[in-house]
């Protein structure tokens, strides 16, 4: 099992920085100030989701089947990962209101279940 390096300090919550690299073969060391990988800060669950999404070539229906989750859950997870990676800006309060209204309309029309609606609202 390969262990993952922590990205934040457990004492103060500050971001760790990489200052030393070691070669496992010749044991040489390189010191400096290095930036970490953007994906390294994702949780194991997020990483699994992204790998599945890529395996399914971005086809949300295939991701649904592979992970056995609903369409709204897939969208919510994708939106969450994009946000954590800083790939989407915050949405306006007006857009949030419109999205909530659409969710409630879908719920009232029987297009989604109460659990799906709750998941979608949580991910807004």
N, C-alpha and C. Protein backbone atom coordinates (compact mmCIF):
# COMPACT_ATOMS: atom_id res chain seq x y z
N UNK A 1 0.85 -1.18 0.00
CA UNK A 1 0.00 0.00 0.00
C UNK A 1 0.89 1.24 0.00
N UNK A 2 0.59 2.16 -0.89
CA UNK A 2 1.35 3.40 -0.99
C UNK A 2 0.68 4.46 -0.13
N UNK A 3 1.43 5.03 0.80
CA UNK A 3 0.88 6.05 1.68
C UNK A 3 0.89 7.41 0.99
N UNK A 4 -0.11 8.22 1.28
CA UNK A 4 -0.18 9.56 0.72
C UNK A 4 0.33 10.56 1.74
N UNK A 5 1.11 11.51 1.27
CA UNK A 5 1.62 12.57 2.15
C UNK A 5 0.48 13.50 2.53
N UNK A 6 0.44 13.94 3.76
CA UNK A 6 -0.60 14.91 4.15
C UNK A 6 -0.35 16.24 3.44
N UNK A 7 -1.41 16.99 3.21
CA UNK A 7 -1.27 18.28 2.53
C UNK A 7 -1.40 19.45 3.49
N UNK A 8 -1.96 19.19 4.68
CA UNK A 8 -2.13 20.25 5.67
C UNK A 8 -1.59 19.82 7.02
N UNK A 9 -1.08 20.80 7.76
CA UNK A 9 -0.51 20.57 9.09
C UNK A 9 -1.63 20.20 10.06
N UNK A 10 -1.47 19.12 10.82
CA UNK A 10 -2.51 18.75 11.78
C UNK A 10 -2.56 19.68 12.99
N UNK A 11 -1.53 20.48 13.21
CA UNK A 11 -1.48 21.39 14.35
C UNK A 11 -2.23 22.68 14.06
N UNK A 12 -1.86 23.34 12.96
CA UNK A 12 -2.44 24.66 12.68
C UNK A 12 -3.34 24.69 11.45
N UNK A 13 -3.31 23.62 10.63
CA UNK A 13 -4.12 23.59 9.42
C UNK A 13 -3.45 24.25 8.22
N UNK A 14 -2.24 24.77 8.42
CA UNK A 14 -1.51 25.40 7.33
C UNK A 14 -1.13 24.39 6.26
N UNK A 15 -0.82 24.90 5.08
CA UNK A 15 -0.47 24.03 3.96
C UNK A 15 0.99 23.63 4.05
N UNK A 16 1.26 22.33 3.92
CA UNK A 16 2.63 21.84 3.88
C UNK A 16 3.29 22.25 2.57
N UNK A 17 4.60 22.46 2.61
CA UNK A 17 5.35 22.67 1.38
C UNK A 17 6.43 21.60 1.30
N UNK A 18 6.72 21.20 0.08
CA UNK A 18 7.72 20.16 -0.16
C UNK A 18 9.08 20.85 -0.23
N UNK A 19 10.02 20.39 0.61
CA UNK A 19 11.33 21.03 0.65
C UNK A 19 12.48 20.08 0.35
N UNK A 20 12.18 18.79 0.23
CA UNK A 20 13.26 17.83 0.01
C UNK A 20 12.74 16.65 -0.80
N UNK A 21 13.54 16.22 -1.78
CA UNK A 21 13.21 15.05 -2.57
C UNK A 21 14.36 14.06 -2.45
N UNK A 22 14.01 12.77 -2.33
CA UNK A 22 15.01 11.72 -2.21
C UNK A 22 14.84 10.70 -3.32
N UNK A 23 15.97 10.26 -3.90
CA UNK A 23 15.94 9.21 -4.92
C UNK A 23 15.97 7.85 -4.22
N UNK A 24 14.99 7.00 -4.51
CA UNK A 24 14.94 5.68 -3.86
C UNK A 24 16.02 4.75 -4.40
N UNK A 25 16.57 5.03 -5.57
CA UNK A 25 17.58 4.17 -6.17
C UNK A 25 18.99 4.52 -5.68
N UNK A 26 19.44 5.77 -5.91
CA UNK A 26 20.82 6.12 -5.57
C UNK A 26 20.95 6.88 -4.25
N UNK A 27 19.83 7.19 -3.63
CA UNK A 27 19.77 7.87 -2.34
C UNK A 27 20.22 9.33 -2.39
N UNK A 28 20.34 9.91 -3.59
CA UNK A 28 20.68 11.33 -3.66
C UNK A 28 19.50 12.16 -3.16
N UNK A 29 19.79 13.39 -2.72
CA UNK A 29 18.77 14.28 -2.19
C UNK A 29 18.80 15.61 -2.92
N UNK A 30 17.64 16.20 -3.08
CA UNK A 30 17.52 17.50 -3.69
C UNK A 30 16.67 18.35 -2.77
N UNK A 31 17.22 19.50 -2.37
CA UNK A 31 16.49 20.39 -1.47
C UNK A 31 16.04 21.64 -2.20
N UNK A 32 14.99 22.23 -1.74
CA UNK A 32 14.46 23.45 -2.33
C UNK A 32 13.03 23.67 -1.90
N UNK A 33 12.34 24.49 -2.64
CA UNK A 33 10.94 24.75 -2.35
C UNK A 33 10.14 24.33 -3.57
N UNK A 34 9.37 23.24 -3.44
CA UNK A 34 8.65 22.65 -4.57
C UNK A 34 7.15 22.72 -4.33
N UNK A 35 6.41 22.89 -5.40
CA UNK A 35 4.96 22.90 -5.26
C UNK A 35 4.44 21.47 -5.40
N UNK A 36 3.36 21.19 -4.72
CA UNK A 36 2.75 19.87 -4.77
C UNK A 36 1.78 19.76 -5.94
N UNK A 37 1.28 18.61 -6.12
CA UNK A 37 0.34 18.32 -7.19
C UNK A 37 -1.06 18.82 -6.79
N UNK A 38 -1.78 19.37 -7.75
CA UNK A 38 -3.13 19.87 -7.46
C UNK A 38 -4.06 18.75 -7.01
N UNK A 39 -3.85 17.55 -7.54
CA UNK A 39 -4.72 16.43 -7.22
C UNK A 39 -4.38 15.79 -5.87
N UNK A 40 -3.20 16.08 -5.34
CA UNK A 40 -2.77 15.46 -4.09
C UNK A 40 -3.65 15.85 -2.90
N UNK A 41 -4.30 17.00 -2.99
CA UNK A 41 -5.13 17.45 -1.89
C UNK A 41 -6.53 16.83 -1.92
N UNK A 42 -6.85 16.10 -2.99
CA UNK A 42 -8.17 15.46 -3.07
C UNK A 42 -8.23 14.25 -2.15
N UNK A 43 -9.40 13.97 -1.64
CA UNK A 43 -9.60 12.79 -0.80
C UNK A 43 -9.52 11.53 -1.66
N UNK A 44 -9.38 10.39 -1.02
CA UNK A 44 -9.37 9.11 -1.75
C UNK A 44 -10.68 8.93 -2.52
N UNK A 45 -11.78 9.34 -1.92
CA UNK A 45 -13.10 9.23 -2.58
C UNK A 45 -13.15 10.09 -3.84
N UNK A 46 -12.64 11.34 -3.74
CA UNK A 46 -12.61 12.22 -4.90
C UNK A 46 -11.71 11.66 -6.00
N UNK A 47 -10.55 11.12 -5.61
CA UNK A 47 -9.62 10.55 -6.57
C UNK A 47 -10.25 9.36 -7.29
N UNK A 48 -10.93 8.49 -6.54
CA UNK A 48 -11.62 7.34 -7.14
C UNK A 48 -12.69 7.82 -8.12
N UNK A 49 -13.42 8.86 -7.73
CA UNK A 49 -14.45 9.40 -8.61
C UNK A 49 -13.83 9.92 -9.91
N UNK A 50 -12.76 10.69 -9.81
CA UNK A 50 -12.12 11.26 -11.00
C UNK A 50 -11.58 10.15 -11.90
N UNK A 51 -10.96 9.12 -11.32
CA UNK A 51 -10.45 8.01 -12.13
C UNK A 51 -11.58 7.29 -12.84
N UNK A 52 -12.70 7.10 -12.15
CA UNK A 52 -13.87 6.47 -12.77
C UNK A 52 -14.43 7.34 -13.88
N UNK A 53 -14.50 8.64 -13.62
CA UNK A 53 -14.99 9.59 -14.62
C UNK A 53 -14.13 9.53 -15.88
N UNK A 54 -12.81 9.49 -15.70
CA UNK A 54 -11.90 9.40 -16.84
C UNK A 54 -12.03 8.06 -17.56
N UNK A 55 -12.14 6.99 -16.78
CA UNK A 55 -12.30 5.65 -17.36
C UNK A 55 -13.56 5.60 -18.24
N UNK A 56 -14.60 6.30 -17.80
CA UNK A 56 -15.86 6.34 -18.54
C UNK A 56 -15.86 7.45 -19.59
N UNK A 57 -14.72 8.06 -19.80
CA UNK A 57 -14.53 9.11 -20.80
C UNK A 57 -15.53 10.25 -20.65
N UNK A 58 -15.88 10.56 -19.38
CA UNK A 58 -16.76 11.68 -19.11
C UNK A 58 -18.23 11.41 -19.33
N UNK A 59 -18.59 10.18 -19.66
CA UNK A 59 -19.99 9.83 -19.88
C UNK A 59 -20.66 9.64 -18.52
N UNK A 60 -21.51 10.57 -18.16
CA UNK A 60 -22.12 10.56 -16.82
C UNK A 60 -22.99 9.32 -16.61
N UNK A 61 -23.69 8.89 -17.64
CA UNK A 61 -24.52 7.68 -17.53
C UNK A 61 -23.66 6.46 -17.17
N UNK A 62 -22.47 6.36 -17.79
CA UNK A 62 -21.56 5.26 -17.48
C UNK A 62 -21.01 5.37 -16.07
N UNK A 63 -20.75 6.60 -15.62
CA UNK A 63 -20.27 6.81 -14.25
C UNK A 63 -21.35 6.38 -13.27
N UNK A 64 -22.61 6.72 -13.57
CA UNK A 64 -23.74 6.29 -12.73
C UNK A 64 -23.72 4.77 -12.54
N UNK A 65 -23.60 4.06 -13.67
CA UNK A 65 -23.62 2.60 -13.63
C UNK A 65 -22.42 2.03 -12.88
N UNK A 66 -21.24 2.58 -13.16
CA UNK A 66 -20.01 2.09 -12.56
C UNK A 66 -20.00 2.27 -11.04
N UNK A 67 -20.45 3.46 -10.58
CA UNK A 67 -20.42 3.75 -9.14
C UNK A 67 -21.73 3.44 -8.43
N UNK A 68 -22.75 3.07 -9.23
CA UNK A 68 -24.08 2.76 -8.68
C UNK A 68 -24.64 3.94 -7.88
N UNK A 69 -24.57 5.12 -8.50
CA UNK A 69 -25.12 6.34 -7.90
C UNK A 69 -25.98 7.04 -8.94
N UNK A 70 -26.81 7.96 -8.48
CA UNK A 70 -27.75 8.65 -9.37
C UNK A 70 -27.05 9.76 -10.15
N UNK A 71 -27.73 10.19 -11.21
CA UNK A 71 -27.23 11.29 -12.04
C UNK A 71 -26.97 12.55 -11.20
N UNK A 72 -27.92 12.97 -10.34
CA UNK A 72 -27.67 14.17 -9.54
C UNK A 72 -26.45 14.01 -8.61
N UNK A 73 -26.23 12.80 -8.12
CA UNK A 73 -25.08 12.56 -7.26
C UNK A 73 -23.79 12.67 -8.05
N UNK A 74 -23.78 12.13 -9.27
CA UNK A 74 -22.60 12.25 -10.13
C UNK A 74 -22.30 13.72 -10.38
N UNK A 75 -23.32 14.48 -10.77
CA UNK A 75 -23.14 15.91 -11.03
C UNK A 75 -22.64 16.64 -9.79
N UNK A 76 -23.21 16.30 -8.64
CA UNK A 76 -22.79 16.93 -7.39
C UNK A 76 -21.33 16.63 -7.07
N UNK A 77 -20.94 15.37 -7.25
CA UNK A 77 -19.54 14.99 -6.99
C UNK A 77 -18.59 15.69 -7.96
N UNK A 78 -18.98 15.75 -9.23
CA UNK A 78 -18.15 16.41 -10.22
C UNK A 78 -18.01 17.90 -9.90
N UNK A 79 -19.12 18.53 -9.57
CA UNK A 79 -19.08 19.95 -9.22
C UNK A 79 -18.20 20.18 -7.98
N UNK A 80 -18.30 19.29 -7.00
CA UNK A 80 -17.49 19.41 -5.79
C UNK A 80 -16.01 19.29 -6.08
N UNK A 81 -15.63 18.32 -6.90
CA UNK A 81 -14.22 18.13 -7.24
C UNK A 81 -13.70 19.34 -8.03
N UNK A 82 -14.49 19.81 -8.98
CA UNK A 82 -14.08 20.99 -9.76
C UNK A 82 -13.87 22.19 -8.84
N UNK A 83 -14.75 22.34 -7.87
CA UNK A 83 -14.62 23.46 -6.94
C UNK A 83 -13.37 23.31 -6.08
N UNK A 84 -13.10 22.10 -5.57
CA UNK A 84 -11.92 21.87 -4.73
C UNK A 84 -10.62 22.07 -5.52
N UNK A 85 -10.68 21.84 -6.82
CA UNK A 85 -9.50 22.05 -7.66
C UNK A 85 -9.40 23.50 -8.14
N UNK A 86 -10.39 24.30 -7.77
CA UNK A 86 -10.37 25.72 -8.16
C UNK A 86 -10.67 25.94 -9.63
N UNK A 87 -11.41 25.03 -10.24
CA UNK A 87 -11.69 25.12 -11.67
C UNK A 87 -13.02 25.80 -11.99
N UNK A 88 -13.78 26.12 -10.96
CA UNK A 88 -15.02 26.86 -11.16
C UNK A 88 -15.11 27.94 -10.10
N UNK A 89 -15.60 29.06 -10.51
CA UNK A 89 -15.81 30.14 -9.56
C UNK A 89 -17.12 29.92 -8.83
N UNK A 90 -17.33 30.67 -7.80
CA UNK A 90 -18.58 30.58 -7.07
C UNK A 90 -19.73 31.05 -7.93
N UNK A 91 -20.88 30.50 -7.72
CA UNK A 91 -22.04 30.93 -8.48
C UNK A 91 -22.77 32.00 -7.67
N UNK A 92 -23.47 32.86 -8.39
CA UNK A 92 -24.15 33.97 -7.73
C UNK A 92 -25.36 33.46 -6.94
N UNK A 93 -25.80 34.31 -6.04
CA UNK A 93 -26.97 33.97 -5.22
C UNK A 93 -28.20 33.77 -6.09
N UNK A 94 -28.30 34.55 -7.15
CA UNK A 94 -29.43 34.41 -8.09
C UNK A 94 -29.41 33.05 -8.78
N UNK A 95 -28.22 32.59 -9.18
CA UNK A 95 -28.09 31.29 -9.82
C UNK A 95 -28.43 30.16 -8.85
N UNK A 96 -28.05 30.33 -7.61
CA UNK A 96 -28.39 29.34 -6.58
C UNK A 96 -29.90 29.26 -6.41
N UNK A 97 -30.57 30.40 -6.38
CA UNK A 97 -32.03 30.42 -6.24
C UNK A 97 -32.71 29.71 -7.41
N UNK A 98 -32.21 29.98 -8.62
CA UNK A 98 -32.78 29.33 -9.81
C UNK A 98 -32.57 27.81 -9.75
N UNK A 99 -31.37 27.41 -9.36
CA UNK A 99 -31.05 25.98 -9.26
C UNK A 99 -31.94 25.30 -8.22
N UNK A 100 -32.13 25.95 -7.07
CA UNK A 100 -33.02 25.40 -6.03
C UNK A 100 -34.44 25.23 -6.57
N UNK A 101 -34.92 26.25 -7.27
CA UNK A 101 -36.27 26.20 -7.83
C UNK A 101 -36.40 25.04 -8.81
N UNK A 102 -35.38 24.82 -9.64
CA UNK A 102 -35.41 23.71 -10.59
C UNK A 102 -35.43 22.37 -9.87
N UNK A 103 -34.67 22.27 -8.79
CA UNK A 103 -34.64 21.02 -8.01
C UNK A 103 -36.02 20.74 -7.43
N UNK A 104 -36.65 21.77 -6.85
CA UNK A 104 -37.97 21.58 -6.27
C UNK A 104 -39.02 21.27 -7.34
N UNK A 105 -38.88 21.86 -8.51
CA UNK A 105 -39.79 21.54 -9.62
C UNK A 105 -39.65 20.07 -10.01
N UNK A 106 -38.42 19.59 -10.12
CA UNK A 106 -38.18 18.19 -10.47
C UNK A 106 -38.76 17.26 -9.40
N UNK A 107 -38.61 17.65 -8.15
CA UNK A 107 -39.15 16.85 -7.05
C UNK A 107 -40.67 16.82 -7.11
N UNK A 108 -41.29 17.97 -7.32
CA UNK A 108 -42.76 18.05 -7.41
C UNK A 108 -43.30 17.28 -8.60
N UNK A 109 -42.54 17.24 -9.69
CA UNK A 109 -42.97 16.52 -10.90
C UNK A 109 -42.65 15.03 -10.84
N UNK A 110 -42.02 14.58 -9.76
CA UNK A 110 -41.69 13.17 -9.62
C UNK A 110 -40.49 12.73 -10.44
N UNK A 111 -39.72 13.69 -10.95
CA UNK A 111 -38.55 13.35 -11.77
C UNK A 111 -37.38 12.85 -10.91
N UNK A 112 -37.34 13.30 -9.67
CA UNK A 112 -36.28 12.86 -8.74
C UNK A 112 -36.91 12.54 -7.40
N UNK A 113 -36.20 11.74 -6.60
CA UNK A 113 -36.69 11.37 -5.27
C UNK A 113 -36.31 12.46 -4.26
N UNK A 114 -36.87 12.36 -3.08
CA UNK A 114 -36.54 13.30 -2.00
C UNK A 114 -35.06 13.19 -1.63
N UNK A 115 -34.54 11.97 -1.62
CA UNK A 115 -33.11 11.78 -1.31
C UNK A 115 -32.23 12.44 -2.36
N UNK A 116 -32.61 12.29 -3.63
CA UNK A 116 -31.84 12.92 -4.70
C UNK A 116 -31.90 14.45 -4.59
N UNK A 117 -33.09 14.96 -4.29
CA UNK A 117 -33.24 16.40 -4.13
C UNK A 117 -32.39 16.91 -2.97
N UNK A 118 -32.39 16.17 -1.87
CA UNK A 118 -31.58 16.57 -0.71
C UNK A 118 -30.09 16.58 -1.07
N UNK A 119 -29.65 15.58 -1.80
CA UNK A 119 -28.25 15.50 -2.23
C UNK A 119 -27.90 16.68 -3.13
N UNK A 120 -28.80 16.99 -4.07
CA UNK A 120 -28.55 18.10 -4.99
C UNK A 120 -28.50 19.43 -4.25
N UNK A 121 -29.41 19.62 -3.30
CA UNK A 121 -29.42 20.86 -2.52
C UNK A 121 -28.16 20.98 -1.65
N UNK A 122 -27.72 19.87 -1.12
CA UNK A 122 -26.50 19.87 -0.30
C UNK A 122 -25.28 20.26 -1.13
N UNK A 123 -25.27 19.87 -2.39
CA UNK A 123 -24.12 20.15 -3.25
C UNK A 123 -24.14 21.53 -3.89
N UNK A 124 -25.19 22.31 -3.65
CA UNK A 124 -25.24 23.67 -4.22
C UNK A 124 -24.19 24.56 -3.57
